[in-house]
Amino acid sequence: MAVRIETERLILRPWEDTEEDVQALFSIASDPNVGVHAGWKPHADLDESRWVMREILLPPGAMSIIQKPEATGSKPEATGSKPEAMGSKPEAAATGGRIIGCTALEPDRLRPDANSRELGYWLVSTEWGKGYMTEAAKAMIAYGFDTLGLDQIGICTSRVNLRSQSVIKKCGFVYEGTIRRTYKIYTGELRDSQVYSMLRSEYEALYK
């Protein structure tokens, strides 16, 4: 059974290799405001989105972020949610909701020997500033610690990605330091990486 995570305004479920999901991915990833902050170029066509789906999103079990039809855009008070099991039918079709972003707990590149995952996310620009990304990130943090049994969750962002930095701080991650000129973006530029993490004990103090 696949994982289904529900919050007040969102449903998170794994991306699926369907034309519906590829179309939804392209509609977001072709937005010129989305990928540049994370260092990847806007998708040029459906074939590129299909390749990204199969080669990048599906292997780590990345989740689509689905906006519930009744969501108003107001920011909720809740901090997280518990995961639930579901079948394989695309949730967007099942609920009438709209896919607005992506999130994942990927292998932690900086801590390969620890019981840790690295959190990643992105959101369509029309929904920025409404608290959706923080809501989804907190749900993924709860899933990582409560269901996957992680000891630690890491996250990295660039100096220029101020919105991501804001989400990271709202979630309660601890800043560890900056690795200078550590990753190359699609333009060839080398960017600094700001490194954050959260330990299980810190999660339990903040979220329990």
C-alpha atoms as a PDB file:
ATOM      1  CA  MET A   1       0.000   0.000   0.000  1.00  0.00           C
ATOM      2  CA  ALA A   2       1.217   3.458  -0.845  1.00  0.00           C
ATOM      3  CA  VAL A   3       1.481   6.223   1.718  1.00  0.00           C
ATOM      4  CA  ARG A   4      -1.148   8.911   1.999  1.00  0.00           C
ATOM      5  CA  ILE A   5      -0.591  11.905   4.270  1.00  0.00           C
ATOM      6  CA  GLU A   6      -3.430  14.308   4.948  1.00  0.00           C
ATOM      7  CA  THR A   7      -3.270  17.740   6.590  1.00  0.00           C
ATOM      8  CA  GLU A   8      -5.911  20.418   7.062  1.00  0.00           C
ATOM      9  CA  ARG A   9      -5.623  21.720   3.497  1.00  0.00           C
ATOM     10  CA  LEU A  10      -3.421  19.205   1.667  1.00  0.00           C
ATOM     11  CA  ILE A  11      -3.061  15.586   0.614  1.00  0.00           C
ATOM     12  CA  LEU A  12       0.396  14.150  -0.055  1.00  0.00           C
ATOM     13  CA  ARG A  13       0.705  10.983  -2.072  1.00  0.00           C
ATOM     14  CA  PRO A  14       3.457   9.454  -4.241  1.00  0.00           C
ATOM     15  CA  TRP A  15       3.771  10.604  -7.837  1.00  0.00           C
ATOM     16  CA  GLU A  16       2.623   8.023 -10.370  1.00  0.00           C
ATOM     17  CA  ASP A  17       3.866   7.310 -13.876  1.00  0.00           C
ATOM     18  CA  THR A  18       0.609   8.388 -15.508  1.00  0.00           C
ATOM     19  CA  GLU A  19      -0.129  10.988 -18.151  1.00  0.00           C
ATOM     20  CA  GLU A  20      -2.246  12.888 -15.626  1.00  0.00           C
ATOM     21  CA  ASP A  21       0.663  13.234 -13.222  1.00  0.00           C
ATOM     22  CA  VAL A  22       3.140  14.083 -15.984  1.00  0.00           C
ATOM     23  CA  GLN A  23       0.839  16.872 -17.173  1.00  0.00           C
ATOM     24  CA  ALA A  24       0.510  18.174 -13.621  1.00  0.00           C
ATOM     25  CA  LEU A  25       4.295  18.051 -13.144  1.00  0.00           C
ATOM     26  CA  PHE A  26       4.908  19.957 -16.361  1.00  0.00           C
ATOM     27  CA  SER A  27       2.364  22.642 -15.483  1.00  0.00           C
ATOM     28  CA  ILE A  28       4.333  23.399 -12.300  1.00  0.00           C
ATOM     29  CA  ALA A  29       7.916  22.672 -13.383  1.00  0.00           C
ATOM     30  CA  SER A  30       7.593  24.843 -16.498  1.00  0.00           C
ATOM     31  CA  ASP A  31       6.851  27.830 -14.247  1.00  0.00           C
ATOM     32  CA  PRO A  32       9.957  30.030 -14.669  1.00  0.00           C
ATOM     33  CA  ASN A  33       9.785  31.090 -11.006  1.00  0.00           C
ATOM     34  CA  VAL A  34       9.951  27.606  -9.472  1.00  0.00           C
ATOM     35  CA  GLY A  35      13.099  25.711 -10.387  1.00  0.00           C
ATOM     36  CA  VAL A  36      15.567  28.574 -10.575  1.00  0.00           C
ATOM     37  CA  HIS A  37      15.585  29.014  -6.791  1.00  0.00           C
ATOM     38  CA  ALA A  38      16.585  25.369  -6.328  1.00  0.00           C
ATOM     39  CA  GLY A  39      19.035  25.452  -9.223  1.00  0.00           C
ATOM     40  CA  TRP A  40      17.165  23.568 -11.943  1.00  0.00           C
ATOM     41  CA  LYS A  41      15.854  24.977 -15.197  1.00  0.00           C
ATOM     42  CA  PRO A  42      12.164  25.186 -16.098  1.00  0.00           C
ATOM     43  CA  HIS A  43      10.944  22.126 -17.984  1.00  0.00           C
ATOM     44  CA  ALA A  44      10.788  22.675 -21.728  1.00  0.00           C
ATOM     45  CA  ASP A  45       8.208  20.030 -22.654  1.00  0.00           C
ATOM     46  CA  LEU A  46       6.277  16.991 -21.484  1.00  0.00           C
ATOM     47  CA  ASP A  47       9.092  14.637 -22.461  1.00  0.00           C
ATOM     48  CA  GLU A  48      11.421  16.373 -20.028  1.00  0.00           C
ATOM     49  CA  SER A  49       8.821  16.166 -17.263  1.00  0.00           C
ATOM     50  CA  ARG A  50       8.274  12.490 -18.051  1.00  0.00           C
ATOM     51  CA  TRP A  51      12.031  11.822 -17.752  1.00  0.00           C
ATOM     52  CA  VAL A  52      12.231  13.709 -14.448  1.00  0.00           C
ATOM     53  CA  MET A  53       9.234  11.777 -13.160  1.00  0.00           C
ATOM     54  CA  ARG A  54      10.797   8.399 -13.941  1.00  0.00           C
ATOM     55  CA  GLU A  55      14.443   9.105 -13.139  1.00  0.00           C
ATOM     56  CA  ILE A  56      14.275  11.593 -10.256  1.00  0.00           C
ATOM     57  CA  LEU A  57      10.864  11.603  -8.549  1.00  0.00           C
ATOM     58  CA  LEU A  58       9.746   7.969  -8.594  1.00  0.00           C
ATOM     59  CA  PRO A  59      12.924   6.256  -7.239  1.00  0.00           C
ATOM     60  CA  PRO A  60      12.897   8.013  -3.809  1.00  0.00           C
ATOM     61  CA  GLY A  61       9.091   7.949  -3.582  1.00  0.00           C
ATOM     62  CA  ALA A  62       8.637  11.708  -3.941  1.00  0.00           C
ATOM     63  CA  MET A  63       5.183  12.995  -3.009  1.00  0.00           C
ATOM     64  CA  SER A  64       2.897  15.230  -5.003  1.00  0.00           C
ATOM     65  CA  ILE A  65       1.301  17.991  -2.930  1.00  0.00           C
ATOM     66  CA  ILE A  66      -2.420  18.181  -3.630  1.00  0.00           C
ATOM     67  CA  GLN A  67      -4.521  21.159  -2.640  1.00  0.00           C
ATOM     68  CA  LYS A  68      -7.880  20.040  -1.316  1.00  0.00           C
ATOM     69  CA  PRO A  69     -10.845  21.487  -3.252  1.00  0.00           C
ATOM     70  CA  GLU A  70     -12.141  23.236  -0.132  1.00  0.00           C
ATOM     71  CA  ALA A  71      -8.771  24.831   0.751  1.00  0.00           C
ATOM     72  CA  THR A  72      -9.076  28.608   1.057  1.00  0.00           C
ATOM     73  CA  GLY A  73      -5.430  29.586   1.262  1.00  0.00           C
ATOM     74  CA  SER A  74      -5.643  30.641   4.919  1.00  0.00           C
ATOM     75  CA  LYS A  75      -2.831  29.336   7.108  1.00  0.00           C
ATOM     76  CA  PRO A  76      -3.800  26.546   9.552  1.00  0.00           C
ATOM     77  CA  GLU A  77      -2.769  26.318  13.174  1.00  0.00           C
ATOM     78  CA  ALA A  78      -1.886  22.596  13.118  1.00  0.00           C
ATOM     79  CA  THR A  79       1.803  21.635  12.988  1.00  0.00           C
ATOM     80  CA  GLY A  80       1.700  18.214  11.375  1.00  0.00           C
ATOM     81  CA  SER A  81      -0.267  15.073  10.603  1.00  0.00           C
ATOM     82  CA  LYS A  82      -0.187  11.324  10.703  1.00  0.00           C
ATOM     83  CA  PRO A  83       0.211   9.212   7.538  1.00  0.00           C
ATOM     84  CA  GLU A  84      -2.480   6.872   6.331  1.00  0.00           C
ATOM     85  CA  ALA A  85      -2.495   3.979   3.851  1.00  0.00           C
ATOM     86  CA  MET A  86      -4.228   4.280   0.504  1.00  0.00           C
ATOM     87  CA  GLY A  87      -4.621   2.516  -2.803  1.00  0.00           C
ATOM     88  CA  SER A  88      -2.866   3.435  -6.034  1.00  0.00           C
ATOM     89  CA  LYS A  89      -5.528   5.604  -7.635  1.00  0.00           C
ATOM     90  CA  PRO A  90      -4.295   9.188  -8.222  1.00  0.00           C
ATOM     91  CA  GLU A  91      -5.606  11.262  -5.335  1.00  0.00           C
ATOM     92  CA  ALA A  92      -6.041  14.358  -7.488  1.00  0.00           C
ATOM     93  CA  ALA A  93      -8.632  12.536  -9.549  1.00  0.00           C
ATOM     94  CA  ALA A  94     -10.227  10.949  -6.501  1.00  0.00           C
ATOM     95  CA  THR A  95     -10.751  14.212  -4.629  1.00  0.00           C
ATOM     96  CA  GLY A  96     -10.974  16.803  -7.397  1.00  0.00           C
ATOM     97  CA  GLY A  97      -7.938  18.476  -5.843  1.00  0.00           C
ATOM     98  CA  ARG A  98      -5.093  20.130  -7.733  1.00  0.00           C
ATOM     99  CA  ILE A  99      -1.408  19.183  -7.633  1.00  0.00           C
ATOM    100  CA  ILE A 100       0.520  22.286  -6.589  1.00  0.00           C
ATOM    101  CA  GLY A 101       3.972  21.004  -5.663  1.00  0.00           C
ATOM    102  CA  CYS A 102       6.325  18.230  -4.631  1.00  0.00           C
ATOM    103  CA  THR A 103       8.144  17.051  -1.513  1.00  0.00           C
ATOM    104  CA  ALA A 104      10.402  14.114  -0.685  1.00  0.00           C
ATOM    105  CA  LEU A 105      12.563  12.508   1.978  1.00  0.00           C
ATOM    106  CA  GLU A 106      15.589  11.487  -0.073  1.00  0.00           C
ATOM    107  CA  PRO A 107      18.832   9.739   0.933  1.00  0.00           C
ATOM    108  CA  ASP A 108      20.872  12.174   3.026  1.00  0.00           C
ATOM    109  CA  ARG A 109      23.962  12.984   0.950  1.00  0.00           C
ATOM    110  CA  LEU A 110      25.806  14.556   3.894  1.00  0.00           C
ATOM    111  CA  ARG A 111      25.060  11.751   6.391  1.00  0.00           C
ATOM    112  CA  PRO A 112      25.241   8.440   4.487  1.00  0.00           C
ATOM    113  CA  ASP A 113      26.024   6.439   7.648  1.00  0.00           C
ATOM    114  CA  ALA A 114      23.253   7.945   9.800  1.00  0.00           C
ATOM    115  CA  ASN A 115      19.599   6.953  10.005  1.00  0.00           C
ATOM    116  CA  SER A 116      18.726  10.207   8.250  1.00  0.00           C
ATOM    117  CA  ARG A 117      16.916  11.525   5.198  1.00  0.00           C
ATOM    118  CA  GLU A 118      17.128  14.864   3.422  1.00  0.00           C
ATOM    119  CA  LEU A 119      13.921  16.873   2.999  1.00  0.00           C
ATOM    120  CA  GLY A 120      13.259  18.608  -0.305  1.00  0.00           C
ATOM    121  CA  TYR A 121      10.286  20.512  -1.702  1.00  0.00           C
ATOM    122  CA  TRP A 122       8.980  22.995  -4.247  1.00  0.00           C
ATOM    123  CA  LEU A 123       5.653  24.736  -4.887  1.00  0.00           C
ATOM    124  CA  VAL A 124       3.971  26.437  -7.826  1.00  0.00           C
ATOM    125  CA  SER A 125       4.512  30.190  -7.541  1.00  0.00           C
ATOM    126  CA  THR A 126       0.797  31.076  -7.609  1.00  0.00           C
ATOM    127  CA  GLU A 127       0.457  29.452  -4.169  1.00  0.00           C
ATOM    128  CA  TRP A 128       3.444  31.064  -2.467  1.00  0.00           C
ATOM    129  CA  GLY A 129       2.862  32.969   0.747  1.00  0.00           C
ATOM    130  CA  LYS A 130      -0.154  30.924   1.856  1.00  0.00           C
ATOM    131  CA  GLY A 131       1.572  28.535   4.252  1.00  0.00           C
ATOM    132  CA  TYR A 132       1.181  25.448   2.051  1.00  0.00           C
ATOM    133  CA  MET A 133       4.877  24.590   1.912  1.00  0.00           C
ATOM    134  CA  THR A 134       5.325  24.838   5.670  1.00  0.00           C
ATOM    135  CA  GLU A 135       2.204  22.712   6.171  1.00  0.00           C
ATOM    136  CA  ALA A 136       3.510  20.008   3.815  1.00  0.00           C
ATOM    137  CA  ALA A 137       7.031  20.109   5.247  1.00  0.00           C
ATOM    138  CA  LYS A 138       5.803  19.660   8.816  1.00  0.00           C
ATOM    139  CA  ALA A 139       3.704  16.688   7.721  1.00  0.00           C
ATOM    140  CA  MET A 140       6.747  15.107   6.054  1.00  0.00           C
ATOM    141  CA  ILE A 141       8.832  15.683   9.185  1.00  0.00           C
ATOM    142  CA  ALA A 142       6.190  13.899  11.292  1.00  0.00           C
ATOM    143  CA  TYR A 143       6.076  11.064   8.759  1.00  0.00           C
ATOM    144  CA  GLY A 144       9.859  10.740   8.772  1.00  0.00           C
ATOM    145  CA  PHE A 145      10.206  10.475  12.530  1.00  0.00           C
ATOM    146  CA  ASP A 146       6.947   8.750  13.505  1.00  0.00           C
ATOM    147  CA  THR A 147       6.573   6.278  10.631  1.00  0.00           C
ATOM    148  CA  LEU A 148      10.004   5.818   9.057  1.00  0.00           C
ATOM    149  CA  GLY A 149      11.673   5.862  12.472  1.00  0.00           C
ATOM    150  CA  LEU A 150      14.410   8.299  11.444  1.00  0.00           C
ATOM    151  CA  ASP A 151      16.901   9.646  13.963  1.00  0.00           C
ATOM    152  CA  GLN A 152      17.555  12.830  12.007  1.00  0.00           C
ATOM    153  CA  ILE A 153      16.276  14.850   9.035  1.00  0.00           C
ATOM    154  CA  GLY A 154      18.536  17.193   7.091  1.00  0.00           C
ATOM    155  CA  ILE A 155      17.774  19.978   4.650  1.00  0.00           C
ATOM    156  CA  CYS A 156      19.941  22.259   2.518  1.00  0.00           C
ATOM    157  CA  THR A 157      19.189  25.476   0.662  1.00  0.00           C
ATOM    158  CA  SER A 158      21.057  28.273  -1.070  1.00  0.00           C
ATOM    159  CA  ARG A 159      21.745  31.761   0.227  1.00  0.00           C
ATOM    160  CA  VAL A 160      19.426  33.214  -2.419  1.00  0.00           C
ATOM    161  CA  ASN A 161      16.424  30.985  -1.646  1.00  0.00           C
ATOM    162  CA  LEU A 162      14.871  33.167   1.041  1.00  0.00           C
ATOM    163  CA  ARG A 163      11.448  31.501   0.882  1.00  0.00           C
ATOM    164  CA  SER A 164      12.938  28.092   1.561  1.00  0.00           C
ATOM    165  CA  GLN A 165      14.949  29.530   4.444  1.00  0.00           C
ATOM    166  CA  SER A 166      11.698  30.860   5.915  1.00  0.00           C
ATOM    167  CA  VAL A 167      10.030  27.426   5.727  1.00  0.00           C
ATOM    168  CA  ILE A 168      13.087  25.794   7.310  1.00  0.00           C
ATOM    169  CA  LYS A 169      13.016  28.184  10.265  1.00  0.00           C
ATOM    170  CA  LYS A 170       9.251  27.802  10.769  1.00  0.00           C
ATOM    171  CA  CYS A 171       9.696  24.025  10.904  1.00  0.00           C
ATOM    172  CA  GLY A 172      12.316  24.306  13.646  1.00  0.00           C
ATOM    173  CA  PHE A 173      15.454  23.062  11.894  1.00  0.00           C
ATOM    174  CA  VAL A 174      18.811  23.915  13.455  1.00  0.00           C
ATOM    175  CA  TYR A 175      21.383  25.748  11.322  1.00  0.00           C
ATOM    176  CA  GLU A 176      24.696  23.865  11.137  1.00  0.00           C
ATOM    177  CA  GLY A 177      26.742  26.006   8.767  1.00  0.00           C
ATOM    178  CA  THR A 178      27.401  26.869   5.134  1.00  0.00           C
ATOM    179  CA  ILE A 179      29.378  24.782   2.663  1.00  0.00           C
ATOM    180  CA  ARG A 180      30.845  27.186   0.149  1.00  0.00           C
ATOM    181  CA  ARG A 181      30.605  26.587  -3.614  1.00  0.00           C
ATOM    182  CA  THR A 182      29.350  23.038  -3.171  1.00  0.00           C
ATOM    183  CA  TYR A 183      26.795  22.443  -5.921  1.00  0.00           C
ATOM    184  CA  LYS A 184      26.502  23.415  -9.563  1.00  0.00           C
ATOM    185  CA  ILE A 185      23.188  24.679 -10.909  1.00  0.00           C
ATOM    186  CA  TYR A 186      21.993  24.384 -14.503  1.00  0.00           C
ATOM    187  CA  THR A 187      23.718  27.630 -15.542  1.00  0.00           C
ATOM    188  CA  GLY A 188      27.098  26.298 -14.453  1.00  0.00           C
ATOM    189  CA  GLU A 189      27.267  28.578 -11.399  1.00  0.00           C
ATOM    190  CA  LEU A 190      28.584  27.046  -8.165  1.00  0.00           C
ATOM    191  CA  ARG A 191      26.389  27.941  -5.193  1.00  0.00           C
ATOM    192  CA  ASP A 192      26.886  27.844  -1.452  1.00  0.00           C
ATOM    193  CA  SER A 193      24.723  25.432   0.526  1.00  0.00           C
ATOM    194  CA  GLN A 194      23.234  26.344   3.904  1.00  0.00           C
ATOM    195  CA  VAL A 195      22.937  23.160   5.964  1.00  0.00           C
ATOM    196  CA  TYR A 196      20.253  22.494   8.595  1.00  0.00           C
ATOM    197  CA  SER A 197      19.056  19.428  10.479  1.00  0.00           C
ATOM    198  CA  MET A 198      16.623  18.230  13.122  1.00  0.00           C
ATOM    199  CA  LEU A 199      17.298  15.415  15.607  1.00  0.00           C
ATOM    200  CA  ARG A 200      14.588  13.120  16.931  1.00  0.00           C
ATOM    201  CA  SER A 201      14.887  14.714  20.381  1.00  0.00           C
ATOM    202  CA  GLU A 202      14.382  18.165  18.856  1.00  0.00           C
ATOM    203  CA  TYR A 203      11.349  16.951  16.910  1.00  0.00           C
ATOM    204  CA  GLU A 204       9.794  15.466  20.045  1.00  0.00           C
ATOM    205  CA  ALA A 205      10.355  18.720  21.973  1.00  0.00           C
ATOM    206  CA  LEU A 206       8.775  20.833  19.199  1.00  0.00           C
ATOM    207  CA  TYR A 207       5.967  18.658  17.876  1.00  0.00           C
ATOM    208  CA  LYS A 208       4.818  16.417  20.723  1.00  0.00           C
END
